[in-house]
Structures are given as structure tokens and as C-alpha cells.
């Protein structure tokens, strides 16, 4: 389970969401919920966890969410955000400004 305090980002059961189901990432609005991805500059629907956005090089394949120019990626329980130096490997999250927290299922549900 992933929680991002500033933009209220959560990850649970293959669902990535935030306030109003919108993940605000710099000047882009990203929404990923229930295998559906909506993008500010165009709406994409992801079924079977496979999609490609050639304009913004945003891809999601086999439960992998990545932003190919290196900004945001999620793969095998690893979340990486180069601009904000955000990394998550083996249930360990870190960020420069300490605005990121990691919770387990019990903490989030409770």
C-alpha cells in the first residue's frame, strides 16, 4: 500500500488513485483506477493492464506503470520518480522532503 501525502496518492489492489481519483503529477493529471487510465491531454482506457500513450510515452503493461522519459515508474512493487527522487524497493520508500509514507493493509483499512 502506497500513500503520498501531498497529492494523497494511494496504491491498493492494483489500483492507483488520489483525491477525486486524480493523481496530480507536475502539470499533468493522471488517473489510474480499476484498470482505467485517464490522461489530461487524452483519455486512455486500460484493459488487461496493457496500454500505450505515444504522445506522452506513458505505458502500463503487465501491472507496470511507467513514464518512459524517466519521471514516474511503477514495477514489481517499485515506484520511482526521478524528479522528486522518489524510490520504493522492497517495501522501503524514501523521498527528499520526507512527504512520502508507506502503510500496510491493516493501517490503511483501519
PDB file of N, CA and C in Angstrom:
ATOM      1  N   UNK A   1       0.854  -1.190   0.000  1.00  0.00           N
ATOM      2  CA  UNK A   1       0.000   0.000   0.000  1.00  0.00           C
ATOM      3  C   UNK A   1       0.889   1.239   0.000  1.00  0.00           C
ATOM      4  N   UNK A   2       0.577   2.147  -0.895  1.00  0.00           N
ATOM      5  CA  UNK A   2       1.401   3.333  -1.086  1.00  0.00           C
ATOM      6  C   UNK A   2       0.567   4.570  -0.785  1.00  0.00           C
ATOM      7  N   UNK A   3       1.124   5.472   0.003  1.00  0.00           N
ATOM      8  CA  UNK A   3       0.412   6.703   0.318  1.00  0.00           C
ATOM      9  C   UNK A   3       1.342   7.887   0.125  1.00  0.00           C
ATOM     10  N   UNK A   4       0.895   8.860  -0.634  1.00  0.00           N
ATOM     11  CA  UNK A   4       1.689  10.048  -0.906  1.00  0.00           C
ATOM     12  C   UNK A   4       0.956  11.253  -0.337  1.00  0.00           C
ATOM     13  N   UNK A   5       1.514  11.849   0.698  1.00  0.00           N
ATOM     14  CA  UNK A   5       0.772  12.834   1.483  1.00  0.00           C
ATOM     15  C   UNK A   5       0.342  14.052   0.673  1.00  0.00           C
ATOM     16  N   UNK A   6       1.258  14.636  -0.101  1.00  0.00           N
ATOM     17  CA  UNK A   6       0.965  15.894  -0.775  1.00  0.00           C
ATOM     18  C   UNK A   6      -0.240  15.793  -1.702  1.00  0.00           C
ATOM     19  N   UNK A   7      -0.235  14.782  -2.560  1.00  0.00           N
ATOM     20  CA  UNK A   7      -1.313  14.638  -3.519  1.00  0.00           C
ATOM     21  C   UNK A   7      -2.268  13.505  -3.163  1.00  0.00           C
ATOM     22  N   UNK A   8      -2.096  12.943  -1.958  1.00  0.00           N
ATOM     23  CA  UNK A   8      -2.964  11.867  -1.487  1.00  0.00           C
ATOM     24  C   UNK A   8      -3.003  10.732  -2.505  1.00  0.00           C
ATOM     25  N   UNK A   9      -1.828  10.216  -2.811  1.00  0.00           N
ATOM     26  CA  UNK A   9      -1.712   9.083  -3.703  1.00  0.00           C
ATOM     27  C   UNK A   9      -1.754   7.793  -2.909  1.00  0.00           C
ATOM     28  N   UNK A  10      -2.580   6.855  -3.352  1.00  0.00           N
ATOM     29  CA  UNK A  10      -2.642   5.559  -2.697  1.00  0.00           C
ATOM     30  C   UNK A  10      -2.543   4.453  -3.738  1.00  0.00           C
ATOM     31  N   UNK A  11      -1.966   3.337  -3.333  1.00  0.00           N
ATOM     32  CA  UNK A  11      -1.910   2.174  -4.206  1.00  0.00           C
ATOM     33  C   UNK A  11      -2.416   0.974  -3.435  1.00  0.00           C
ATOM     34  N   UNK A  12      -3.436   0.327  -3.943  1.00  0.00           N
ATOM     35  CA  UNK A  12      -4.012  -0.826  -3.265  1.00  0.00           C
ATOM     36  C   UNK A  12      -4.722  -1.711  -4.282  1.00  0.00           C
ATOM     37  N   UNK A  13      -4.441  -3.021  -4.208  1.00  0.00           N
ATOM     38  CA  UNK A  13      -5.138  -3.976  -5.061  1.00  0.00           C
ATOM     39  C   UNK A  13      -5.080  -3.552  -6.523  1.00  0.00           C
ATOM     40  N   UNK A  14      -3.885  -3.254  -7.019  1.00  0.00           N
ATOM     41  CA  UNK A  14      -3.689  -2.849  -8.414  1.00  0.00           C
ATOM     42  C   UNK A  14      -4.485  -1.604  -8.765  1.00  0.00           C
ATOM     43  N   UNK A  15      -4.763  -0.767  -7.771  1.00  0.00           N
ATOM     44  CA  UNK A  15      -5.491   0.472  -8.024  1.00  0.00           C
ATOM     45  C   UNK A  15      -4.644   1.655  -7.572  1.00  0.00           C
ATOM     46  N   UNK A  16      -4.363   2.543  -8.485  1.00  0.00           N
ATOM     47  CA  UNK A  16      -3.604   3.749  -8.175  1.00  0.00           C
ATOM     48  C   UNK A  16      -4.561   4.924  -8.246  1.00  0.00           C
ATOM     49  N   UNK A  17      -4.682   5.671  -7.142  1.00  0.00           N
ATOM     50  CA  UNK A  17      -5.664   6.744  -7.122  1.00  0.00           C
ATOM     51  C   UNK A  17      -5.218   7.860  -6.195  1.00  0.00           C
ATOM     52  N   UNK A  18      -5.987   8.903  -6.164  1.00  0.00           N
ATOM     53  CA  UNK A  18      -5.707  10.026  -5.283  1.00  0.00           C
ATOM     54  C   UNK A  18      -7.014  10.758  -5.035  1.00  0.00           C
ATOM     55  N   UNK A  19      -6.948  11.966  -4.488  1.00  0.00           N
ATOM     56  CA  UNK A  19      -8.163  12.747  -4.306  1.00  0.00           C
ATOM     57  C   UNK A  19      -8.931  12.834  -5.626  1.00  0.00           C
ATOM     58  N   UNK A  20     -10.229  12.600  -5.577  1.00  0.00           N
ATOM     59  CA  UNK A  20     -11.067  12.664  -6.772  1.00  0.00           C
ATOM     60  C   UNK A  20     -10.536  11.742  -7.858  1.00  0.00           C
ATOM     61  N   UNK A  21      -9.789  10.692  -7.461  1.00  0.00           N
ATOM     62  CA  UNK A  21      -9.253   9.736  -8.420  1.00  0.00           C
ATOM     63  C   UNK A  21      -8.326  10.399  -9.432  1.00  0.00           C
ATOM     64  N   UNK A  22      -7.685  11.492  -9.059  1.00  0.00           N
ATOM     65  CA  UNK A  22      -6.749  12.168  -9.960  1.00  0.00           C
ATOM     66  C   UNK A  22      -5.396  12.265  -9.282  1.00  0.00           C
ATOM     67  N   UNK A  23      -4.396  11.709  -9.936  1.00  0.00           N
ATOM     68  CA  UNK A  23      -3.021  11.855  -9.471  1.00  0.00           C
ATOM     69  C   UNK A  23      -2.428  13.069 -10.161  1.00  0.00           C
ATOM     70  N   UNK A  24      -2.114  14.088  -9.385  1.00  0.00           N
ATOM     71  CA  UNK A  24      -1.564  15.293  -9.973  1.00  0.00           C
ATOM     72  C   UNK A  24      -0.048  15.186 -10.000  1.00  0.00           C
ATOM     73  N   UNK A  25       0.481  15.143 -11.184  1.00  0.00           N
ATOM     74  CA  UNK A  25       1.919  14.975 -11.369  1.00  0.00           C
ATOM     75  C   UNK A  25       2.438  16.146 -12.178  1.00  0.00           C
ATOM     76  N   UNK A  26       3.072  17.094 -11.518  1.00  0.00           N
ATOM     77  CA  UNK A  26       3.509  18.334 -12.145  1.00  0.00           C
ATOM     78  C   UNK A  26       2.325  18.966 -12.871  1.00  0.00           C
ATOM     79  N   UNK A  27       2.440  19.228 -14.191  1.00  0.00           N
ATOM     80  CA  UNK A  27       1.346  19.877 -14.911  1.00  0.00           C
ATOM     81  C   UNK A  27       0.480  18.859 -15.646  1.00  0.00           C
ATOM     82  N   UNK A  28       0.579  17.591 -15.237  1.00  0.00           N
ATOM     83  CA  UNK A  28      -0.237  16.561 -15.868  1.00  0.00           C
ATOM     84  C   UNK A  28      -1.205  15.975 -14.848  1.00  0.00           C
ATOM     85  N   UNK A  29      -2.378  15.601 -15.291  1.00  0.00           N
ATOM     86  CA  UNK A  29      -3.348  14.922 -14.428  1.00  0.00           C
ATOM     87  C   UNK A  29      -3.448  13.467 -14.860  1.00  0.00           C
ATOM     88  N   UNK A  30      -3.133  12.579 -13.924  1.00  0.00           N
ATOM     89  CA  UNK A  30      -3.138  11.159 -14.236  1.00  0.00           C
ATOM     90  C   UNK A  30      -4.113  10.438 -13.322  1.00  0.00           C
ATOM     91  N   UNK A  31      -4.938   9.586 -13.898  1.00  0.00           N
ATOM     92  CA  UNK A  31      -5.872   8.807 -13.102  1.00  0.00           C
ATOM     93  C   UNK A  31      -5.759   7.340 -13.507  1.00  0.00           C
ATOM     94  N   UNK A  32      -5.530   6.496 -12.508  1.00  0.00           N
ATOM     95  CA  UNK A  32      -5.443   5.065 -12.759  1.00  0.00           C
ATOM     96  C   UNK A  32      -6.262   4.358 -11.711  1.00  0.00           C
ATOM     97  N   UNK A  33      -7.406   3.819 -12.098  1.00  0.00           N
ATOM     98  CA  UNK A  33      -8.280   3.160 -11.148  1.00  0.00           C
ATOM     99  C   UNK A  33      -9.098   2.100 -11.868  1.00  0.00           C
ATOM    100  N   UNK A  34      -9.187   0.917 -11.241  1.00  0.00           N
ATOM    101  CA  UNK A  34      -9.983  -0.157 -11.827  1.00  0.00           C
ATOM    102  C   UNK A  34      -9.579  -0.426 -13.267  1.00  0.00           C
ATOM    103  N   UNK A  35      -8.266  -0.515 -13.500  1.00  0.00           N
ATOM    104  CA  UNK A  35      -7.715  -0.813 -14.822  1.00  0.00           C
ATOM    105  C   UNK A  35      -8.074   0.237 -15.854  1.00  0.00           C
ATOM    106  N   UNK A  36      -8.387   1.455 -15.407  1.00  0.00           N
ATOM    107  CA  UNK A  36      -8.699   2.536 -16.336  1.00  0.00           C
ATOM    108  C   UNK A  36      -7.728   3.685 -16.115  1.00  0.00           C
ATOM    109  N   UNK A  37      -7.106   4.139 -17.178  1.00  0.00           N
ATOM    110  CA  UNK A  37      -6.179   5.246 -17.079  1.00  0.00           C
ATOM    111  C   UNK A  37      -6.704   6.422 -17.876  1.00  0.00           C
ATOM    112  N   UNK A  38      -6.864   7.569 -17.219  1.00  0.00           N
ATOM    113  CA  UNK A  38      -7.272   8.783 -17.905  1.00  0.00           C
ATOM    114  C   UNK A  38      -6.123   9.775 -17.842  1.00  0.00           C
ATOM    115  N   UNK A  39      -5.874  10.441 -18.951  1.00  0.00           N
ATOM    116  CA  UNK A  39      -4.767  11.387 -19.001  1.00  0.00           C
ATOM    117  C   UNK A  39      -5.289  12.755 -19.409  1.00  0.00           C
ATOM    118  N   UNK A  40      -4.681  13.780 -18.885  1.00  0.00           N
ATOM    119  CA  UNK A  40      -5.174  15.141 -19.090  1.00  0.00           C
ATOM    120  C   UNK A  40      -5.272  15.486 -20.578  1.00  0.00           C
ATOM    121  N   UNK A  41      -4.224  15.167 -21.317  1.00  0.00           N
ATOM    122  CA  UNK A  41      -4.190  15.524 -22.737  1.00  0.00           C
ATOM    123  C   UNK A  41      -4.806  14.446 -23.618  1.00  0.00           C
ATOM    124  N   UNK A  42      -5.587  13.571 -23.045  1.00  0.00           N
ATOM    125  CA  UNK A  42      -6.231  12.491 -23.795  1.00  0.00           C
ATOM    126  C   UNK A  42      -6.642  11.388 -22.853  1.00  0.00           C
ATOM    127  N   UNK A  43      -7.780  10.770 -23.119  1.00  0.00           N
ATOM    128  CA  UNK A  43      -8.288   9.725 -22.244  1.00  0.00           C
ATOM    129  C   UNK A  43      -7.925   8.359 -22.800  1.00  0.00           C
ATOM    130  N   UNK A  44      -7.310   7.551 -21.937  1.00  0.00           N
ATOM    131  CA  UNK A  44      -6.951   6.200 -22.327  1.00  0.00           C
ATOM    132  C   UNK A  44      -7.645   5.212 -21.414  1.00  0.00           C
ATOM    133  N   UNK A  45      -8.113   4.113 -21.965  1.00  0.00           N
ATOM    134  CA  UNK A  45      -8.715   3.061 -21.161  1.00  0.00           C
ATOM    135  C   UNK A  45      -7.829   1.840 -21.203  1.00  0.00           C
ATOM    136  N   UNK A  46      -7.440   1.342 -20.028  1.00  0.00           N
ATOM    137  CA  UNK A  46      -6.556   0.201 -19.924  1.00  0.00           C
ATOM    138  C   UNK A  46      -7.338  -1.032 -19.528  1.00  0.00           C
ATOM    139  N   UNK A  47      -7.332  -2.038 -20.387  1.00  0.00           N
ATOM    140  CA  UNK A  47      -7.913  -3.336 -20.074  1.00  0.00           C
ATOM    141  C   UNK A  47      -6.822  -4.379 -20.253  1.00  0.00           C
ATOM    142  N   UNK A  48      -6.826  -5.384 -19.391  1.00  0.00           N
ATOM    143  CA  UNK A  48      -5.779  -6.403 -19.400  1.00  0.00           C
ATOM    144  C   UNK A  48      -4.424  -5.784 -19.081  1.00  0.00           C
ATOM    145  N   UNK A  49      -4.423  -4.641 -18.438  1.00  0.00           N
ATOM    146  CA  UNK A  49      -3.193  -3.996 -17.980  1.00  0.00           C
ATOM    147  C   UNK A  49      -2.210  -3.747 -19.115  1.00  0.00           C
ATOM    148  N   UNK A  50      -2.697  -3.342 -20.280  1.00  0.00           N
ATOM    149  CA  UNK A  50      -1.809  -3.015 -21.387  1.00  0.00           C
ATOM    150  C   UNK A  50      -2.293  -1.742 -22.063  1.00  0.00           C
ATOM    151  N   UNK A  51      -1.485  -0.715 -22.028  1.00  0.00           N
ATOM    152  CA  UNK A  51      -1.823   0.491 -22.765  1.00  0.00           C
ATOM    153  C   UNK A  51      -0.548   1.248 -23.119  1.00  0.00           C
ATOM    154  N   UNK A  52      -0.659   2.070 -24.143  1.00  0.00           N
ATOM    155  CA  UNK A  52       0.471   2.896 -24.562  1.00  0.00           C
ATOM    156  C   UNK A  52      -0.035   4.282 -24.940  1.00  0.00           C
ATOM    157  N   UNK A  53       0.644   5.299 -24.461  1.00  0.00           N
ATOM    158  CA  UNK A  53       0.339   6.673 -24.820  1.00  0.00           C
ATOM    159  C   UNK A  53       1.572   7.234 -25.515  1.00  0.00           C
ATOM    160  N   UNK A  54       1.580   7.200 -26.842  1.00  0.00           N
ATOM    161  CA  UNK A  54       2.789   7.567 -27.582  1.00  0.00           C
ATOM    162  C   UNK A  54       3.100   9.065 -27.465  1.00  0.00           C
ATOM    163  N   UNK A  55       2.083   9.881 -27.223  1.00  0.00           N
ATOM    164  CA  UNK A  55       2.326  11.317 -27.115  1.00  0.00           C
ATOM    165  C   UNK A  55       3.142  11.643 -25.870  1.00  0.00           C
ATOM    166  N   UNK A  56       2.797  11.006 -24.759  1.00  0.00           N
ATOM    167  CA  UNK A  56       3.500  11.276 -23.519  1.00  0.00           C
ATOM    168  C   UNK A  56       4.367  10.095 -23.081  1.00  0.00           C
ATOM    169  N   UNK A  57       4.507   9.089 -23.970  1.00  0.00           N
ATOM    170  CA  UNK A  57       5.310   7.902 -23.681  1.00  0.00           C
ATOM    171  C   UNK A  57       4.976   7.322 -22.318  1.00  0.00           C
ATOM    172  N   UNK A  58       3.681   7.225 -22.039  1.00  0.00           N
ATOM    173  CA  UNK A  58       3.204   6.626 -20.797  1.00  0.00           C
ATOM    174  C   UNK A  58       2.687   5.228 -21.109  1.00  0.00           C
ATOM    175  N   UNK A  59       3.213   4.216 -20.406  1.00  0.00           N
ATOM    176  CA  UNK A  59       2.821   2.845 -20.695  1.00  0.00           C
ATOM    177  C   UNK A  59       2.450   2.104 -19.424  1.00  0.00           C
ATOM    178  N   UNK A  60       1.590   1.127 -19.568  1.00  0.00           N
ATOM    179  CA  UNK A  60       1.238   0.243 -18.471  1.00  0.00           C
ATOM    180  C   UNK A  60       1.068  -1.157 -19.050  1.00  0.00           C
ATOM    181  N   UNK A  61       1.935  -2.058 -18.704  1.00  0.00           N
ATOM    182  CA  UNK A  61       1.897  -3.409 -19.254  1.00  0.00           C
ATOM    183  C   UNK A  61       2.253  -4.399 -18.165  1.00  0.00           C
ATOM    184  N   UNK A  62       1.405  -5.423 -18.012  1.00  0.00           N
ATOM    185  CA  UNK A  62       1.661  -6.448 -17.003  1.00  0.00           C
ATOM    186  C   UNK A  62       1.836  -5.823 -15.626  1.00  0.00           C
ATOM    187  N   UNK A  63       0.860  -5.013 -15.229  1.00  0.00           N
ATOM    188  CA  UNK A  63       0.867  -4.367 -13.909  1.00  0.00           C
ATOM    189  C   UNK A  63       2.069  -3.445 -13.738  1.00  0.00           C
ATOM    190  N   UNK A  64       2.572  -2.870 -14.831  1.00  0.00           N
ATOM    191  CA  UNK A  64       3.711  -1.962 -14.766  1.00  0.00           C
ATOM    192  C   UNK A  64       3.272  -0.592 -15.273  1.00  0.00           C
ATOM    193  N   UNK A  65       3.398   0.405 -14.425  1.00  0.00           N
ATOM    194  CA  UNK A  65       3.094   1.768 -14.831  1.00  0.00           C
ATOM    195  C   UNK A  65       4.405   2.535 -14.923  1.00  0.00           C
ATOM    196  N   UNK A  66       4.682   3.102 -16.094  1.00  0.00           N
ATOM    197  CA  UNK A  66       5.950   3.803 -16.254  1.00  0.00           C
ATOM    198  C   UNK A  66       5.775   5.036 -17.127  1.00  0.00           C
ATOM    199  N   UNK A  67       6.627   5.984 -16.891  1.00  0.00           N
ATOM    200  CA  UNK A  67       6.651   7.207 -17.672  1.00  0.00           C
ATOM    201  C   UNK A  67       8.027   7.239 -18.312  1.00  0.00           C
ATOM    202  N   UNK A  68       8.096   6.875 -19.593  1.00  0.00           N
ATOM    203  CA  UNK A  68       9.355   6.453 -20.188  1.00  0.00           C
ATOM    204  C   UNK A  68      10.447   7.518 -20.221  1.00  0.00           C
ATOM    205  N   UNK A  69      10.091   8.782 -20.063  1.00  0.00           N
ATOM    206  CA  UNK A  69      11.135   9.793 -20.025  1.00  0.00           C
ATOM    207  C   UNK A  69      11.805   9.860 -18.656  1.00  0.00           C
ATOM    208  N   UNK A  70      11.429   8.929 -17.767  1.00  0.00           N
ATOM    209  CA  UNK A  70      12.133   8.806 -16.502  1.00  0.00           C
ATOM    210  C   UNK A  70      11.473   9.503 -15.340  1.00  0.00           C
ATOM    211  N   UNK A  71      10.301  10.096 -15.538  1.00  0.00           N
ATOM    212  CA  UNK A  71       9.671  10.812 -14.439  1.00  0.00           C
ATOM    213  C   UNK A  71       9.032   9.873 -13.422  1.00  0.00           C
ATOM    214  N   UNK A  72       8.158   8.975 -13.864  1.00  0.00           N
ATOM    215  CA  UNK A  72       7.408   8.146 -12.934  1.00  0.00           C
ATOM    216  C   UNK A  72       7.353   6.721 -13.452  1.00  0.00           C
ATOM    217  N   UNK A  73       7.626   5.767 -12.561  1.00  0.00           N
ATOM    218  CA  UNK A  73       7.528   4.371 -12.962  1.00  0.00           C
ATOM    219  C   UNK A  73       7.095   3.512 -11.788  1.00  0.00           C
ATOM    220  N   UNK A  74       6.359   2.452 -12.094  1.00  0.00           N
ATOM    221  CA  UNK A  74       5.953   1.511 -11.073  1.00  0.00           C
ATOM    222  C   UNK A  74       6.108   0.108 -11.639  1.00  0.00           C
ATOM    223  N   UNK A  75       6.914  -0.704 -10.982  1.00  0.00           N
ATOM    224  CA  UNK A  75       7.141  -2.061 -11.471  1.00  0.00           C
ATOM    225  C   UNK A  75       7.567  -2.953 -10.325  1.00  0.00           C
ATOM    226  N   UNK A  76       6.885  -4.092 -10.199  1.00  0.00           N
ATOM    227  CA  UNK A  76       7.274  -5.074  -9.192  1.00  0.00           C
ATOM    228  C   UNK A  76       7.414  -4.434  -7.816  1.00  0.00           C
ATOM    229  N   UNK A  77       6.371  -3.726  -7.374  1.00  0.00           N
ATOM    230  CA  UNK A  77       6.379  -3.063  -6.067  1.00  0.00           C
ATOM    231  C   UNK A  77       7.467  -2.005  -5.966  1.00  0.00           C
ATOM    232  N   UNK A  78       7.879  -1.442  -7.100  1.00  0.00           N
ATOM    233  CA  UNK A  78       8.895  -0.399  -7.085  1.00  0.00           C
ATOM    234  C   UNK A  78       8.342   0.859  -7.746  1.00  0.00           C
ATOM    235  N   UNK A  79       8.272   1.935  -6.984  1.00  0.00           N
ATOM    236  CA  UNK A  79       7.819   3.216  -7.520  1.00  0.00           C
ATOM    237  C   UNK A  79       9.014   4.157  -7.586  1.00  0.00           C
ATOM    238  N   UNK A  80       9.223   4.757  -8.754  1.00  0.00           N
ATOM    239  CA  UNK A  80      10.372   5.631  -8.933  1.00  0.00           C
ATOM    240  C   UNK A  80       9.934   6.938  -9.572  1.00  0.00           C
ATOM    241  N   UNK A  81      10.391   8.032  -9.013  1.00  0.00           N
ATOM    242  CA  UNK A  81      10.101   9.352  -9.541  1.00  0.00           C
ATOM    243  C   UNK A  81      11.410  10.137  -9.521  1.00  0.00           C
ATOM    244  N   UNK A  82      12.073  10.216 -10.671  1.00  0.00           N
ATOM    245  CA  UNK A  82      13.413  10.792 -10.695  1.00  0.00           C
ATOM    246  C   UNK A  82      13.435  12.261 -10.270  1.00  0.00           C
ATOM    247  N   UNK A  83      12.469  13.037 -10.727  1.00  0.00           N
ATOM    248  CA  UNK A  83      12.473  14.462 -10.411  1.00  0.00           C
ATOM    249  C   UNK A  83      12.406  14.704  -8.903  1.00  0.00           C
ATOM    250  N   UNK A  84      11.559  13.924  -8.228  1.00  0.00           N
ATOM    251  CA  UNK A  84      11.408  14.094  -6.791  1.00  0.00           C
ATOM    252  C   UNK A  84      12.275  13.134  -5.994  1.00  0.00           C
ATOM    253  N   UNK A  85      13.127  12.377  -6.713  1.00  0.00           N
ATOM    254  CA  UNK A  85      13.991  11.398  -6.058  1.00  0.00           C
ATOM    255  C   UNK A  85      13.160  10.493  -5.155  1.00  0.00           C
ATOM    256  N   UNK A  86      12.103   9.965  -5.726  1.00  0.00           N
ATOM    257  CA  UNK A  86      11.184   9.095  -5.001  1.00  0.00           C
ATOM    258  C   UNK A  86      11.440   7.654  -5.410  1.00  0.00           C
ATOM    259  N   UNK A  87      11.754   6.793  -4.445  1.00  0.00           N
ATOM    260  CA  UNK A  87      12.011   5.397  -4.753  1.00  0.00           C
ATOM    261  C   UNK A  87      11.291   4.488  -3.766  1.00  0.00           C
ATOM    262  N   UNK A  88      10.918   3.322  -4.247  1.00  0.00           N
ATOM    263  CA  UNK A  88      10.281   2.324  -3.400  1.00  0.00           C
ATOM    264  C   UNK A  88      10.777   0.949  -3.823  1.00  0.00           C
ATOM    265  N   UNK A  89      11.586   0.332  -3.012  1.00  0.00           N
ATOM    266  CA  UNK A  89      12.073  -1.005  -3.305  1.00  0.00           C
ATOM    267  C   UNK A  89      11.954  -1.850  -2.053  1.00  0.00           C
ATOM    268  N   UNK A  90      11.392  -3.071  -2.206  1.00  0.00           N
ATOM    269  CA  UNK A  90      11.249  -3.983  -1.074  1.00  0.00           C
ATOM    270  C   UNK A  90      10.540  -3.314   0.095  1.00  0.00           C
ATOM    271  N   UNK A  91       9.418  -2.653  -0.182  1.00  0.00           N
ATOM    272  CA  UNK A  91       8.598  -2.025   0.852  1.00  0.00           C
ATOM    273  C   UNK A  91       9.323  -0.909   1.591  1.00  0.00           C
ATOM    274  N   UNK A  92      10.324  -0.313   0.953  1.00  0.00           N
ATOM    275  CA  UNK A  92      11.037   0.803   1.571  1.00  0.00           C
ATOM    276  C   UNK A  92      10.884   2.030   0.677  1.00  0.00           C
ATOM    277  N   UNK A  93      10.281   3.073   1.230  1.00  0.00           N
ATOM    278  CA  UNK A  93      10.052   4.289   0.467  1.00  0.00           C
ATOM    279  C   UNK A  93      10.888   5.432   1.034  1.00  0.00           C
ATOM    280  N   UNK A  94      11.347   6.299   0.136  1.00  0.00           N
ATOM    281  CA  UNK A  94      12.096   7.460   0.591  1.00  0.00           C
ATOM    282  C   UNK A  94      11.864   8.617  -0.370  1.00  0.00           C
ATOM    283  N   UNK A  95      11.971   9.802   0.170  1.00  0.00           N
ATOM    284  CA  UNK A  95      11.862  10.995  -0.658  1.00  0.00           C
ATOM    285  C   UNK A  95      12.621  12.128   0.023  1.00  0.00           C
ATOM    286  N   UNK A  96      13.113  13.055  -0.791  1.00  0.00           N
ATOM    287  CA  UNK A  96      13.955  14.111  -0.258  1.00  0.00           C
ATOM    288  C   UNK A  96      13.267  14.895   0.854  1.00  0.00           C
ATOM    289  N   UNK A  97      12.006  15.275   0.633  1.00  0.00           N
ATOM    290  CA  UNK A  97      11.336  16.144   1.604  1.00  0.00           C
ATOM    291  C   UNK A  97      10.508  15.369   2.627  1.00  0.00           C
ATOM    292  N   UNK A  98      10.690  14.031   2.671  1.00  0.00           N
ATOM    293  CA  UNK A  98      10.005  13.210   3.680  1.00  0.00           C
ATOM    294  C   UNK A  98       8.488  13.336   3.616  1.00  0.00           C
ATOM    295  N   UNK A  99       7.932  13.613   2.455  1.00  0.00           N
ATOM    296  CA  UNK A  99       6.478  13.744   2.353  1.00  0.00           C
ATOM    297  C   UNK A  99       5.833  12.436   1.913  1.00  0.00           C
ATOM    298  N   UNK A 100       6.592  11.348   1.934  1.00  0.00           N
ATOM    299  CA  UNK A 100       6.076  10.063   1.493  1.00  0.00           C
ATOM    300  C   UNK A 100       5.996   9.109   2.663  1.00  0.00           C
ATOM    301  N   UNK A 101       4.923   8.340   2.729  1.00  0.00           N
ATOM    302  CA  UNK A 101       4.791   7.351   3.781  1.00  0.00           C
ATOM    303  C   UNK A 101       4.368   6.023   3.181  1.00  0.00           C
ATOM    304  N   UNK A 102       4.682   4.951   3.867  1.00  0.00           N
ATOM    305  CA  UNK A 102       4.327   3.614   3.408  1.00  0.00           C
ATOM    306  C   UNK A 102       3.516   2.922   4.484  1.00  0.00           C
ATOM    307  N   UNK A 103       2.359   2.373   4.103  1.00  0.00           N
ATOM    308  CA  UNK A 103       1.476   1.741   5.073  1.00  0.00           C
ATOM    309  C   UNK A 103       1.135   0.338   4.614  1.00  0.00           C
ATOM    310  N   UNK A 104       0.853  -0.548   5.556  1.00  0.00           N
ATOM    311  CA  UNK A 104       0.389  -1.878   5.180  1.00  0.00           C
ATOM    312  C   UNK A 104      -1.130  -1.890   5.099  1.00  0.00           C
ATOM    313  N   UNK A 105      -1.690  -3.047   4.707  1.00  0.00           N
ATOM    314  CA  UNK A 105      -3.143  -3.130   4.523  1.00  0.00           C
ATOM    315  C   UNK A 105      -3.893  -2.764   5.793  1.00  0.00           C
ATOM    316  N   UNK A 106      -3.423  -3.246   6.929  1.00  0.00           N
ATOM    317  CA  UNK A 106      -4.125  -3.016   8.189  1.00  0.00           C
ATOM    318  C   UNK A 106      -4.179  -1.526   8.521  1.00  0.00           C
ATOM    319  N   UNK A 107      -3.084  -0.845   8.324  1.00  0.00           N
ATOM    320  CA  UNK A 107      -3.042   0.574   8.656  1.00  0.00           C
ATOM    321  C   UNK A 107      -3.962   1.380   7.749  1.00  0.00           C
ATOM    322  N   UNK A 108      -3.977   1.025   6.461  1.00  0.00           N
ATOM    323  CA  UNK A 108      -4.794   1.787   5.530  1.00  0.00           C
ATOM    324  C   UNK A 108      -6.277   1.533   5.764  1.00  0.00           C
ATOM    325  N   UNK A 109      -6.629   0.275   5.959  1.00  0.00           N
ATOM    326  CA  UNK A 109      -8.028  -0.059   6.158  1.00  0.00           C
ATOM    327  C   UNK A 109      -8.541   0.447   7.501  1.00  0.00           C
ATOM    328  N   UNK A 110      -7.660   0.511   8.492  1.00  0.00           N
ATOM    329  CA  UNK A 110      -8.083   0.945   9.807  1.00  0.00           C
ATOM    330  C   UNK A 110      -8.176   2.439   9.902  1.00  0.00           C
TER     331      UNK A 110
END
